[in-house]
């Protein structure tokens, strides 16, 4: 075999050996340039949904404000709260909601709180003036959409817009608990709400016990 023939054969074997290595290198480069798309975190998706809903939520309404109401909206006061439901007594509603005009004032609606209000920690309390929507005037059900500004607020018990506090305790059956009474008095004093303390069942105790309780308070 001549020298020229040997050089050609050697060059062909080198190219054949390097081809698989070069292909493997291209495959690795392609993987690095196109990484797998990672699924977004659930917390990020929840935050995006909350932000999207928040843009449709109005600011806290002023107590003197009278928002325009649609046929499925009303303004009322939260009368009671139990579990996830609240009873709202309607104060104002769009005209023509009821055929009977006498049933317009004081209508009671069983309401749930809008999920977004819970997410942004906008608490709804008994005594709050609220805007309700999605009202079903037949079944008397609705959803609390927003809360008006509060004049006052208590945390224990959780009530809002209180003008005057009446604290009622018995001297007997059950007996007066100084710790519980003190807790209510401290809470009332911290809010600055006018307070009236009443003690009942005085006929079940001696006059001396009654006088001592009054003097102690």
N, C-alpha and C. Protein backbone atom coordinates (compact mmCIF):
# COMPACT_ATOMS: atom_id res chain seq x y z
N UNK A 1 0.86 -1.20 0.00
CA UNK A 1 0.00 0.00 0.00
C UNK A 1 0.89 1.24 0.00
N UNK A 2 0.48 2.19 -0.86
CA UNK A 2 1.26 3.42 -0.97
C UNK A 2 0.96 4.35 0.18
N UNK A 3 1.77 5.38 0.35
CA UNK A 3 1.62 6.35 1.44
C UNK A 3 0.36 7.17 1.26
N UNK A 4 0.00 7.50 0.02
CA UNK A 4 -1.21 8.29 -0.25
C UNK A 4 -2.45 7.53 0.14
N UNK A 5 -2.51 6.21 -0.17
CA UNK A 5 -3.68 5.39 0.19
C UNK A 5 -3.83 5.29 1.68
N UNK A 6 -2.78 5.13 2.44
CA UNK A 6 -2.83 5.02 3.90
C UNK A 6 -3.37 6.29 4.53
N UNK A 7 -3.02 7.44 4.02
CA UNK A 7 -3.48 8.72 4.57
C UNK A 7 -4.98 8.89 4.38
N UNK A 8 -5.52 8.49 3.23
CA UNK A 8 -6.95 8.62 2.96
C UNK A 8 -7.76 7.74 3.89
N UNK A 9 -7.32 6.49 4.09
CA UNK A 9 -8.04 5.55 4.96
C UNK A 9 -8.03 6.05 6.39
N UNK A 10 -6.91 6.55 6.86
CA UNK A 10 -6.80 7.03 8.24
C UNK A 10 -7.72 8.23 8.47
N UNK A 11 -7.83 9.11 7.50
CA UNK A 11 -8.68 10.29 7.63
C UNK A 11 -10.15 9.89 7.70
N UNK A 12 -10.57 8.89 6.92
CA UNK A 12 -11.95 8.44 6.93
C UNK A 12 -12.32 7.82 8.28
N UNK A 13 -11.42 7.05 8.89
CA UNK A 13 -11.71 6.44 10.19
C UNK A 13 -11.83 7.51 11.28
N UNK A 14 -11.03 8.57 11.19
CA UNK A 14 -11.09 9.63 12.20
C UNK A 14 -12.43 10.34 12.15
N UNK A 15 -12.93 10.61 10.93
CA UNK A 15 -14.23 11.27 10.77
C UNK A 15 -15.34 10.38 11.27
N UNK A 16 -15.29 9.09 10.99
CA UNK A 16 -16.33 8.16 11.43
C UNK A 16 -16.36 8.03 12.93
N UNK A 17 -15.19 8.10 13.59
CA UNK A 17 -15.14 8.00 15.05
C UNK A 17 -15.64 9.27 15.73
N UNK A 18 -15.38 10.44 15.15
CA UNK A 18 -15.75 11.71 15.78
C UNK A 18 -17.22 12.06 15.59
N UNK A 19 -17.90 11.47 14.60
CA UNK A 19 -19.29 11.83 14.31
C UNK A 19 -20.23 11.55 15.49
N UNK A 20 -20.20 10.37 16.14
CA UNK A 20 -21.10 10.14 17.28
C UNK A 20 -20.83 11.11 18.43
N UNK A 21 -19.54 11.41 18.69
CA UNK A 21 -19.21 12.34 19.78
C UNK A 21 -19.78 13.73 19.50
N UNK A 22 -19.67 14.18 18.23
CA UNK A 22 -20.17 15.50 17.87
C UNK A 22 -21.69 15.56 18.00
N UNK A 23 -22.38 14.49 17.62
CA UNK A 23 -23.84 14.44 17.74
C UNK A 23 -24.27 14.49 19.20
N UNK A 24 -23.55 13.78 20.07
CA UNK A 24 -23.85 13.79 21.50
C UNK A 24 -23.66 15.18 22.09
N UNK A 25 -22.63 15.89 21.63
CA UNK A 25 -22.37 17.25 22.11
C UNK A 25 -23.51 18.19 21.72
N UNK A 26 -24.02 18.04 20.49
CA UNK A 26 -25.14 18.88 20.05
C UNK A 26 -26.41 18.59 20.86
N UNK A 27 -26.63 17.33 21.21
CA UNK A 27 -27.81 16.97 22.00
C UNK A 27 -27.76 17.61 23.38
N UNK A 28 -26.58 17.59 24.02
CA UNK A 28 -26.43 18.20 25.35
C UNK A 28 -26.64 19.71 25.27
N UNK A 29 -26.11 20.35 24.23
CA UNK A 29 -26.27 21.80 24.07
C UNK A 29 -27.74 22.17 23.88
N UNK A 30 -28.46 21.35 23.12
CA UNK A 30 -29.88 21.63 22.88
C UNK A 30 -30.68 21.51 24.16
N UNK A 31 -30.34 20.53 25.01
CA UNK A 31 -31.05 20.38 26.29
C UNK A 31 -30.81 21.58 27.20
N UNK A 32 -29.56 22.07 27.20
CA UNK A 32 -29.25 23.22 28.06
C UNK A 32 -29.95 24.49 27.58
N UNK A 33 -30.08 24.62 26.25
CA UNK A 33 -30.73 25.82 25.72
C UNK A 33 -32.24 25.76 25.85
N UNK A 34 -32.84 24.58 25.89
CA UNK A 34 -34.29 24.42 26.00
C UNK A 34 -34.63 23.58 27.23
N UNK A 35 -34.48 24.14 28.43
CA UNK A 35 -34.82 23.38 29.64
C UNK A 35 -36.32 23.14 29.71
N UNK A 36 -36.71 22.14 30.46
CA UNK A 36 -38.12 21.82 30.62
C UNK A 36 -38.82 22.95 31.36
N UNK A 37 -40.02 23.29 30.90
CA UNK A 37 -40.80 24.37 31.53
C UNK A 37 -41.36 23.88 32.86
N UNK A 38 -40.93 24.52 33.95
CA UNK A 38 -41.39 24.11 35.26
C UNK A 38 -42.77 24.70 35.54
N UNK A 39 -43.60 23.88 36.17
CA UNK A 39 -44.95 24.33 36.51
C UNK A 39 -44.89 25.41 37.57
N UNK A 40 -45.66 26.49 37.41
CA UNK A 40 -45.65 27.56 38.43
C UNK A 40 -46.18 27.06 39.76
N UNK A 41 -45.70 27.64 40.83
CA UNK A 41 -46.12 27.21 42.15
C UNK A 41 -47.58 27.56 42.40
N UNK A 42 -48.24 26.76 43.26
CA UNK A 42 -49.65 26.98 43.56
C UNK A 42 -49.85 28.30 44.29
N UNK A 43 -48.89 28.66 45.15
CA UNK A 43 -49.01 29.92 45.88
C UNK A 43 -48.97 31.12 44.94
N UNK A 44 -48.13 31.01 43.89
CA UNK A 44 -48.04 32.09 42.91
C UNK A 44 -49.34 32.23 42.14
N UNK A 45 -49.94 31.09 41.78
CA UNK A 45 -51.21 31.14 41.06
C UNK A 45 -52.31 31.75 41.92
N UNK A 46 -52.34 31.39 43.23
CA UNK A 46 -53.34 31.95 44.13
C UNK A 46 -53.16 33.45 44.28
N UNK A 47 -51.88 33.88 44.35
CA UNK A 47 -51.61 35.31 44.49
C UNK A 47 -52.07 36.07 43.25
N UNK A 48 -51.87 35.49 42.07
CA UNK A 48 -52.30 36.14 40.84
C UNK A 48 -53.82 36.26 40.79
N UNK A 49 -54.52 35.19 41.22
CA UNK A 49 -55.99 35.25 41.22
C UNK A 49 -56.48 36.29 42.21
N UNK A 50 -55.85 36.34 43.39
CA UNK A 50 -56.26 37.32 44.40
C UNK A 50 -56.05 38.74 43.89
N UNK A 51 -54.90 38.98 43.23
CA UNK A 51 -54.61 40.31 42.69
C UNK A 51 -55.61 40.68 41.60
N UNK A 52 -56.00 39.71 40.81
CA UNK A 52 -56.98 39.97 39.75
C UNK A 52 -58.33 40.32 40.35
N UNK A 53 -58.74 39.59 41.40
CA UNK A 53 -60.02 39.89 42.05
C UNK A 53 -59.95 41.20 42.82
N UNK A 54 -58.78 41.51 43.38
CA UNK A 54 -58.64 42.73 44.18
C UNK A 54 -58.89 43.98 43.35
N UNK A 55 -58.54 43.90 42.06
CA UNK A 55 -58.74 45.06 41.20
C UNK A 55 -60.22 45.37 41.02
N UNK A 56 -61.09 44.37 41.23
CA UNK A 56 -62.53 44.59 41.10
C UNK A 56 -63.18 44.94 42.43
N UNK A 57 -62.40 44.98 43.51
CA UNK A 57 -62.94 45.29 44.83
C UNK A 57 -62.79 46.77 45.12
N UNK A 58 -63.89 47.42 45.49
CA UNK A 58 -63.85 48.83 45.81
C UNK A 58 -63.21 49.04 47.17
N UNK A 59 -62.77 50.28 47.41
CA UNK A 59 -62.21 50.62 48.71
C UNK A 59 -63.31 50.58 49.76
N UNK A 60 -62.90 50.62 51.04
CA UNK A 60 -63.89 50.63 52.11
C UNK A 60 -64.79 51.84 51.94
N UNK A 61 -66.09 51.60 52.01
CA UNK A 61 -67.06 52.66 51.75
C UNK A 61 -67.22 53.56 52.97
N UNK A 62 -67.43 54.84 52.73
CA UNK A 62 -67.71 55.78 53.81
C UNK A 62 -69.13 55.56 54.32
N UNK A 63 -69.34 55.78 55.62
CA UNK A 63 -70.67 55.55 56.18
C UNK A 63 -71.71 56.49 55.59
N UNK A 64 -71.28 57.68 55.18
CA UNK A 64 -72.21 58.65 54.60
C UNK A 64 -72.43 58.41 53.12
N UNK A 65 -71.63 57.52 52.54
CA UNK A 65 -71.71 57.28 51.10
C UNK A 65 -72.94 56.45 50.77
N UNK A 66 -73.59 56.80 49.66
CA UNK A 66 -74.74 56.04 49.17
C UNK A 66 -74.41 55.51 47.78
N UNK A 67 -73.89 54.30 47.69
CA UNK A 67 -73.48 53.78 46.39
C UNK A 67 -74.70 53.48 45.52
N UNK A 68 -74.55 53.62 44.20
CA UNK A 68 -75.65 53.24 43.30
C UNK A 68 -75.88 51.73 43.37
N UNK A 69 -77.13 51.34 43.46
CA UNK A 69 -77.47 49.93 43.65
C UNK A 69 -78.17 49.38 42.41
N UNK A 70 -77.79 48.17 42.06
CA UNK A 70 -78.49 47.46 41.00
C UNK A 70 -79.65 46.68 41.61
N UNK A 71 -80.41 45.99 40.78
CA UNK A 71 -81.56 45.24 41.28
C UNK A 71 -81.15 44.09 42.19
N UNK A 72 -79.90 43.65 42.06
CA UNK A 72 -79.44 42.52 42.88
C UNK A 72 -78.54 42.97 44.02
N UNK A 73 -78.61 44.25 44.40
CA UNK A 73 -77.79 44.77 45.48
C UNK A 73 -78.65 45.47 46.52
N UNK A 74 -78.08 45.59 47.73
CA UNK A 74 -78.76 46.29 48.81
C UNK A 74 -77.74 46.67 49.86
N UNK A 75 -78.12 47.57 50.75
CA UNK A 75 -77.29 47.98 51.88
C UNK A 75 -78.01 47.59 53.15
N UNK A 76 -77.28 47.00 54.09
CA UNK A 76 -77.90 46.57 55.33
C UNK A 76 -76.91 46.52 56.47
N UNK A 77 -77.38 46.02 57.61
CA UNK A 77 -76.58 45.91 58.82
C UNK A 77 -76.55 44.44 59.25
N UNK A 78 -75.36 43.96 59.62
CA UNK A 78 -75.21 42.58 60.07
C UNK A 78 -75.82 42.46 61.46
N UNK A 79 -76.85 41.62 61.58
CA UNK A 79 -77.56 41.46 62.85
C UNK A 79 -77.02 40.31 63.68
N UNK A 80 -76.55 39.26 63.03
CA UNK A 80 -76.03 38.11 63.76
C UNK A 80 -75.07 37.33 62.86
N UNK A 81 -74.25 36.52 63.50
CA UNK A 81 -73.27 35.70 62.79
C UNK A 81 -73.23 34.32 63.39
N UNK A 82 -73.28 33.31 62.54
CA UNK A 82 -73.21 31.93 63.00
C UNK A 82 -72.54 31.09 61.93
N UNK A 83 -71.45 30.42 62.34
CA UNK A 83 -70.66 29.60 61.41
C UNK A 83 -70.20 30.50 60.26
N UNK A 84 -70.50 30.10 59.02
CA UNK A 84 -70.08 30.88 57.86
C UNK A 84 -71.20 31.76 57.31
N UNK A 85 -72.27 31.92 58.05
CA UNK A 85 -73.42 32.68 57.58
C UNK A 85 -73.65 33.90 58.45
N UNK A 86 -74.18 34.95 57.83
CA UNK A 86 -74.52 36.18 58.55
C UNK A 86 -75.91 36.63 58.12
N UNK A 87 -76.66 37.11 59.09
CA UNK A 87 -78.00 37.63 58.79
C UNK A 87 -77.91 39.15 58.70
N UNK A 88 -78.34 39.66 57.57
CA UNK A 88 -78.26 41.09 57.28
C UNK A 88 -79.67 41.65 57.17
N UNK A 89 -79.94 42.72 57.92
CA UNK A 89 -81.22 43.42 57.83
C UNK A 89 -81.08 44.56 56.83
N UNK A 90 -81.87 44.52 55.79
CA UNK A 90 -81.76 45.49 54.70
C UNK A 90 -82.24 46.86 55.17
N UNK A 91 -81.45 47.88 54.87
CA UNK A 91 -81.81 49.27 55.17
C UNK A 91 -82.26 50.02 53.93
N UNK A 92 -81.55 49.80 52.84
CA UNK A 92 -81.91 50.47 51.58
C UNK A 92 -81.68 49.52 50.43
N UNK A 93 -82.53 49.64 49.42
CA UNK A 93 -82.47 48.77 48.26
C UNK A 93 -83.06 49.51 47.07
N UNK A 94 -82.77 49.04 45.86
CA UNK A 94 -83.33 49.73 44.69
C UNK A 94 -84.84 49.65 44.66
N UNK A 95 -85.46 50.66 44.13
CA UNK A 95 -86.92 50.69 44.06
C UNK A 95 -87.42 49.62 43.10
N UNK A 96 -88.60 49.09 43.42
CA UNK A 96 -89.19 48.07 42.55
C UNK A 96 -88.71 46.67 42.84
N UNK A 97 -87.95 46.48 43.95
CA UNK A 97 -87.47 45.14 44.26
C UNK A 97 -88.61 44.23 44.69
N UNK A 98 -89.49 44.76 45.55
CA UNK A 98 -90.65 44.01 46.00
C UNK A 98 -91.92 44.65 45.45
N UNK A 99 -92.89 43.84 45.18
CA UNK A 99 -94.18 44.37 44.76
C UNK A 99 -94.89 45.03 45.93
N UNK A 100 -94.73 44.45 47.12
CA UNK A 100 -95.35 45.00 48.31
C UNK A 100 -94.40 46.01 48.94
N UNK A 101 -94.78 47.27 48.95
CA UNK A 101 -93.89 48.31 49.46
C UNK A 101 -93.64 48.16 50.94
N UNK A 102 -94.59 47.58 51.67
CA UNK A 102 -94.44 47.45 53.12
C UNK A 102 -93.36 46.46 53.50
N UNK A 103 -92.98 45.56 52.58
CA UNK A 103 -91.98 44.54 52.89
C UNK A 103 -90.57 44.98 52.53
N UNK A 104 -90.42 46.21 52.04
CA UNK A 104 -89.10 46.66 51.63
C UNK A 104 -88.18 46.89 52.82
N UNK A 105 -88.67 47.61 53.81
CA UNK A 105 -87.83 47.92 54.96
C UNK A 105 -87.74 46.75 55.92
N UNK A 106 -86.53 46.47 56.39
CA UNK A 106 -86.34 45.42 57.38
C UNK A 106 -86.30 44.02 56.84
N UNK A 107 -86.17 43.85 55.53
CA UNK A 107 -86.05 42.50 54.97
C UNK A 107 -84.76 41.86 55.48
N UNK A 108 -84.82 40.58 55.80
CA UNK A 108 -83.67 39.87 56.36
C UNK A 108 -83.11 38.91 55.33
N UNK A 109 -81.80 38.98 55.12
CA UNK A 109 -81.12 38.14 54.13
C UNK A 109 -80.10 37.25 54.82
N UNK A 110 -80.04 36.00 54.39
CA UNK A 110 -79.02 35.08 54.87
C UNK A 110 -77.83 35.17 53.91
N UNK A 111 -76.69 35.62 54.42
CA UNK A 111 -75.56 35.97 53.55
C UNK A 111 -74.31 35.16 53.88
N UNK A 112 -73.49 35.00 52.86
CA UNK A 112 -72.12 34.51 53.02
C UNK A 112 -71.18 35.66 52.69
N UNK A 113 -69.96 35.58 53.18
CA UNK A 113 -68.97 36.63 52.95
C UNK A 113 -68.18 36.31 51.69
N UNK A 114 -67.96 37.31 50.87
CA UNK A 114 -67.17 37.14 49.65
C UNK A 114 -65.79 36.61 50.01
N UNK A 115 -65.33 35.60 49.26
CA UNK A 115 -64.06 34.93 49.56
C UNK A 115 -62.89 35.91 49.55
N UNK A 116 -62.94 36.90 48.67
CA UNK A 116 -61.83 37.85 48.58
C UNK A 116 -61.68 38.66 49.86
N UNK A 117 -62.80 38.99 50.51
CA UNK A 117 -62.73 39.73 51.78
C UNK A 117 -61.96 38.93 52.82
N UNK A 118 -62.14 37.62 52.82
CA UNK A 118 -61.41 36.77 53.76
C UNK A 118 -59.93 36.72 53.40
N UNK A 119 -59.62 36.69 52.11
CA UNK A 119 -58.21 36.61 51.69
C UNK A 119 -57.43 37.84 52.09
N UNK A 120 -58.05 39.00 51.99
CA UNK A 120 -57.34 40.24 52.32
C UNK A 120 -57.57 40.64 53.77
N UNK A 121 -58.15 39.73 54.56
CA UNK A 121 -58.33 39.95 56.01
C UNK A 121 -59.24 41.14 56.32
N UNK A 122 -60.19 41.39 55.45
CA UNK A 122 -61.19 42.43 55.74
C UNK A 122 -62.35 41.76 56.47
N UNK A 123 -62.31 41.86 57.78
CA UNK A 123 -63.24 41.12 58.62
C UNK A 123 -64.62 41.77 58.64
N UNK A 124 -65.65 40.93 58.61
CA UNK A 124 -67.02 41.39 58.73
C UNK A 124 -67.53 41.03 60.12
N UNK A 125 -68.06 42.02 60.84
CA UNK A 125 -68.47 41.82 62.23
C UNK A 125 -69.94 42.16 62.39
N UNK A 126 -70.52 41.65 63.47
CA UNK A 126 -71.89 42.01 63.82
C UNK A 126 -71.94 43.52 64.08
N UNK A 127 -72.93 44.17 63.50
CA UNK A 127 -73.04 45.62 63.61
C UNK A 127 -72.49 46.37 62.42
N UNK A 128 -71.77 45.69 61.54
CA UNK A 128 -71.21 46.35 60.36
C UNK A 128 -72.31 46.74 59.38
N UNK A 129 -72.13 47.89 58.77
CA UNK A 129 -72.96 48.28 57.64
C UNK A 129 -72.28 47.73 56.39
N UNK A 130 -73.03 46.96 55.59
CA UNK A 130 -72.41 46.22 54.49
C UNK A 130 -73.18 46.44 53.20
N UNK A 131 -72.47 46.19 52.11
CA UNK A 131 -73.06 46.17 50.78
C UNK A 131 -73.20 44.72 50.36
N UNK A 132 -74.41 44.29 50.06
CA UNK A 132 -74.64 42.90 49.65
C UNK A 132 -75.01 42.87 48.17
N UNK A 133 -74.62 41.80 47.51
CA UNK A 133 -74.90 41.62 46.10
C UNK A 133 -75.36 40.21 45.82
N UNK A 134 -75.65 39.95 44.55
CA UNK A 134 -76.18 38.64 44.12
C UNK A 134 -77.39 38.24 44.97
N UNK A 135 -78.27 39.22 45.20
CA UNK A 135 -79.41 38.99 46.09
C UNK A 135 -80.48 38.18 45.38
N UNK A 136 -80.92 37.12 46.04
CA UNK A 136 -82.08 36.36 45.60
C UNK A 136 -83.24 36.81 46.48
N UNK A 137 -84.09 37.70 45.97
CA UNK A 137 -85.15 38.28 46.78
C UNK A 137 -86.25 37.28 47.10
N UNK A 138 -86.28 36.16 46.40
CA UNK A 138 -87.30 35.14 46.68
C UNK A 138 -86.87 34.28 47.86
N UNK A 139 -85.65 33.73 47.79
CA UNK A 139 -85.14 32.88 48.86
C UNK A 139 -84.46 33.67 49.97
N UNK A 140 -84.33 34.99 49.77
CA UNK A 140 -83.70 35.88 50.75
C UNK A 140 -82.26 35.45 51.06
N UNK A 141 -81.48 35.29 50.03
CA UNK A 141 -80.06 34.95 50.18
C UNK A 141 -79.23 35.96 49.39
N UNK A 142 -77.99 36.16 49.87
CA UNK A 142 -77.13 37.15 49.21
C UNK A 142 -75.67 36.91 49.60
N UNK A 143 -74.79 37.77 49.08
CA UNK A 143 -73.36 37.71 49.38
C UNK A 143 -72.89 39.10 49.82
N UNK A 144 -72.14 39.15 50.92
CA UNK A 144 -71.58 40.41 51.40
C UNK A 144 -70.38 40.76 50.53
N UNK A 145 -70.47 41.89 49.82
CA UNK A 145 -69.43 42.27 48.88
C UNK A 145 -68.44 43.29 49.43
N UNK A 146 -68.88 44.15 50.34
CA UNK A 146 -67.99 45.18 50.87
C UNK A 146 -68.51 45.65 52.22
N UNK A 147 -67.63 46.37 52.95
CA UNK A 147 -67.94 46.83 54.30
C UNK A 147 -67.75 48.34 54.36
N UNK A 148 -68.67 49.02 55.02
CA UNK A 148 -68.55 50.46 55.24
C UNK A 148 -67.62 50.72 56.42
N UNK A 149 -67.12 51.94 56.49
CA UNK A 149 -66.25 52.33 57.60
C UNK A 149 -66.99 52.22 58.93
N UNK A 150 -66.22 51.93 59.99
CA UNK A 150 -66.80 51.73 61.32
C UNK A 150 -66.60 52.97 62.18
N UNK A 151 -67.58 53.23 63.03
CA UNK A 151 -67.44 54.28 64.03
C UNK A 151 -66.69 53.78 65.26
N UNK A 152 -66.90 52.53 65.60
CA UNK A 152 -66.24 51.92 66.76
C UNK A 152 -66.11 50.43 66.51
N UNK A 153 -65.27 49.80 67.31
CA UNK A 153 -65.02 48.37 67.14
C UNK A 153 -64.57 47.76 68.45
N UNK A 154 -65.12 46.58 68.75
CA UNK A 154 -64.70 45.80 69.91
C UNK A 154 -64.26 44.42 69.43
N UNK A 155 -63.23 43.90 70.07
CA UNK A 155 -62.71 42.59 69.69
C UNK A 155 -63.27 41.47 70.54
N UNK A 156 -63.68 41.77 71.76
CA UNK A 156 -64.20 40.74 72.66
C UNK A 156 -65.36 41.31 73.47
N UNK A 157 -66.60 41.03 73.05
CA UNK A 157 -67.01 40.26 71.87
C UNK A 157 -66.82 41.06 70.59
N UNK A 158 -66.67 40.37 69.44
CA UNK A 158 -66.42 41.09 68.18
C UNK A 158 -67.68 41.76 67.64
N UNK A 159 -67.82 43.04 67.89
CA UNK A 159 -68.95 43.83 67.39
C UNK A 159 -68.43 45.17 66.88
N UNK A 160 -69.21 45.78 66.00
CA UNK A 160 -68.80 47.06 65.41
C UNK A 160 -69.94 48.07 65.52
N UNK A 161 -69.55 49.35 65.45
CA UNK A 161 -70.50 50.46 65.44
C UNK A 161 -71.40 50.47 66.67
N UNK A 162 -70.78 50.26 67.83
CA UNK A 162 -71.53 50.27 69.09
C UNK A 162 -71.58 51.70 69.62
N UNK A 163 -72.78 52.16 69.98
CA UNK A 163 -72.94 53.51 70.53
C UNK A 163 -72.89 53.50 72.06
N UNK A 164 -73.36 52.41 72.66
CA UNK A 164 -73.41 52.34 74.13
C UNK A 164 -73.33 50.87 74.53
N UNK A 165 -72.58 50.59 75.58
CA UNK A 165 -72.42 49.22 76.07
C UNK A 165 -73.25 49.02 77.33
N UNK A 166 -73.98 47.92 77.38
CA UNK A 166 -74.70 47.52 78.58
C UNK A 166 -74.13 46.18 79.04
N UNK A 167 -73.42 46.20 80.16
CA UNK A 167 -72.81 44.98 80.71
C UNK A 167 -73.71 44.50 81.84
N UNK A 168 -74.27 43.31 81.68
CA UNK A 168 -75.23 42.76 82.64
C UNK A 168 -74.64 41.52 83.29
N UNK A 169 -74.55 41.54 84.62
CA UNK A 169 -74.05 40.40 85.39
C UNK A 169 -75.03 40.11 86.54
N UNK A 170 -75.08 38.85 86.92
CA UNK A 170 -75.92 38.45 88.06
C UNK A 170 -75.05 38.28 89.30
N UNK A 171 -75.65 38.56 90.45
CA UNK A 171 -74.93 38.37 91.72
C UNK A 171 -74.99 36.94 92.20
N UNK A 172 -75.95 36.18 91.68
CA UNK A 172 -76.07 34.78 92.08
C UNK A 172 -76.79 34.01 90.97
N UNK A 173 -76.45 32.70 90.90
CA UNK A 173 -77.07 31.77 89.94
C UNK A 173 -77.00 32.30 88.50
N UNK A 174 -75.85 32.44 87.91
CA UNK A 174 -74.53 32.12 88.47
C UNK A 174 -73.94 33.30 89.25
N UNK A 175 -72.95 32.99 90.06
CA UNK A 175 -72.32 34.01 90.88
C UNK A 175 -71.46 34.94 90.01
N UNK A 176 -71.26 36.10 90.54
CA UNK A 176 -70.47 37.10 89.84
C UNK A 176 -69.01 36.65 89.75
N UNK A 177 -68.46 36.69 88.53
CA UNK A 177 -67.07 36.33 88.30
C UNK A 177 -66.26 37.61 88.09
N UNK A 178 -65.46 38.01 89.06
CA UNK A 178 -64.71 39.27 88.96
C UNK A 178 -63.78 39.32 87.75
N UNK A 179 -63.14 38.18 87.44
CA UNK A 179 -62.19 38.18 86.32
C UNK A 179 -62.90 38.48 85.01
N UNK A 180 -64.02 37.81 84.76
CA UNK A 180 -64.77 38.03 83.52
C UNK A 180 -65.29 39.45 83.45
N UNK A 181 -65.81 39.95 84.57
CA UNK A 181 -66.32 41.31 84.59
C UNK A 181 -65.21 42.32 84.32
N UNK A 182 -64.05 42.10 84.93
CA UNK A 182 -62.91 43.01 84.72
C UNK A 182 -62.48 43.02 83.25
N UNK A 183 -62.51 41.85 82.62
CA UNK A 183 -62.12 41.77 81.21
C UNK A 183 -63.04 42.61 80.33
N UNK A 184 -64.33 42.53 80.58
CA UNK A 184 -65.28 43.33 79.80
C UNK A 184 -65.09 44.82 80.06
N UNK A 185 -64.86 45.19 81.31
CA UNK A 185 -64.70 46.60 81.65
C UNK A 185 -63.44 47.19 81.02
N UNK A 186 -62.36 46.42 81.03
CA UNK A 186 -61.10 46.89 80.43
C UNK A 186 -61.27 47.05 78.92
N UNK A 187 -61.94 46.10 78.29
CA UNK A 187 -62.17 46.18 76.85
C UNK A 187 -63.01 47.40 76.51
N UNK A 188 -64.05 47.65 77.30
CA UNK A 188 -64.91 48.80 77.05
C UNK A 188 -64.15 50.11 77.23
N UNK A 189 -63.32 50.18 78.26
CA UNK A 189 -62.57 51.40 78.52
C UNK A 189 -61.56 51.68 77.41
N UNK A 190 -60.97 50.63 76.86
CA UNK A 190 -59.98 50.82 75.80
C UNK A 190 -60.59 51.37 74.52
N UNK A 191 -61.87 51.10 74.29
CA UNK A 191 -62.53 51.60 73.08
C UNK A 191 -63.12 52.99 73.27
N UNK A 192 -63.30 53.41 74.52
CA UNK A 192 -63.88 54.73 74.78
C UNK A 192 -65.38 54.78 74.58
N UNK A 193 -66.04 53.63 74.52
CA UNK A 193 -67.49 53.59 74.33
C UNK A 193 -68.18 53.78 75.68
N UNK A 194 -69.22 54.60 75.77
CA UNK A 194 -69.96 54.78 77.03
C UNK A 194 -70.47 53.44 77.55
N UNK A 195 -70.43 53.28 78.87
CA UNK A 195 -70.72 51.98 79.48
C UNK A 195 -71.73 52.13 80.60
N UNK A 196 -72.64 51.16 80.68
CA UNK A 196 -73.57 51.04 81.80
C UNK A 196 -73.45 49.63 82.35
N UNK A 197 -73.20 49.51 83.65
CA UNK A 197 -73.07 48.22 84.31
C UNK A 197 -74.33 47.96 85.13
N UNK A 198 -74.94 46.81 84.90
CA UNK A 198 -76.17 46.45 85.61
C UNK A 198 -75.97 45.11 86.31
N UNK A 199 -76.42 45.04 87.57
CA UNK A 199 -76.36 43.80 88.36
C UNK A 199 -77.78 43.37 88.67
N UNK A 200 -78.13 42.14 88.32
CA UNK A 200 -79.47 41.65 88.59
C UNK A 200 -79.44 40.48 89.58
N UNK A 201 -80.61 39.96 89.88
CA UNK A 201 -80.81 38.88 90.86
C UNK A 201 -80.33 39.31 92.25
N UNK A 202 -80.53 40.58 92.54
CA UNK A 202 -80.13 41.07 93.87
C UNK A 202 -80.99 40.47 94.97
N UNK A 203 -82.18 39.99 94.63
CA UNK A 203 -83.06 39.41 95.66
C UNK A 203 -82.57 38.05 96.14
N UNK A 204 -81.60 37.46 95.44
CA UNK A 204 -81.08 36.14 95.83
C UNK A 204 -79.93 36.22 96.81
N UNK A 205 -79.45 37.42 97.11
CA UNK A 205 -78.32 37.57 98.03
C UNK A 205 -78.71 38.54 99.15
N UNK A 206 -77.91 38.51 100.20
CA UNK A 206 -78.15 39.43 101.31
C UNK A 206 -77.82 40.86 100.89
N UNK A 207 -78.38 41.79 101.63
CA UNK A 207 -78.11 43.19 101.35
C UNK A 207 -76.64 43.53 101.53
N UNK A 208 -76.00 42.86 102.49
CA UNK A 208 -74.58 43.12 102.73
C UNK A 208 -73.75 42.72 101.52
N UNK A 209 -74.07 41.54 100.98
CA UNK A 209 -73.33 41.06 99.79
C UNK A 209 -73.55 42.01 98.62
N UNK A 210 -74.77 42.48 98.48
CA UNK A 210 -75.09 43.40 97.39
C UNK A 210 -74.33 44.72 97.56
N UNK A 211 -74.29 45.22 98.79
CA UNK A 211 -73.58 46.48 99.04
C UNK A 211 -72.09 46.34 98.80
N UNK A 212 -71.52 45.21 99.23
CA UNK A 212 -70.09 44.97 99.03
C UNK A 212 -69.76 44.91 97.54
N UNK A 213 -70.62 44.25 96.76
CA UNK A 213 -70.38 44.14 95.32
C UNK A 213 -70.42 45.51 94.66
N UNK A 214 -71.38 46.33 95.08
CA UNK A 214 -71.50 47.67 94.49
C UNK A 214 -70.31 48.54 94.87
N UNK A 215 -69.89 48.47 96.14
CA UNK A 215 -68.76 49.27 96.59
C UNK A 215 -67.46 48.82 95.92
N UNK A 216 -67.33 47.52 95.70
CA UNK A 216 -66.12 46.99 95.05
C UNK A 216 -66.01 47.49 93.62
N UNK A 217 -67.14 47.57 92.95
CA UNK A 217 -67.13 48.02 91.56
C UNK A 217 -66.97 49.52 91.47
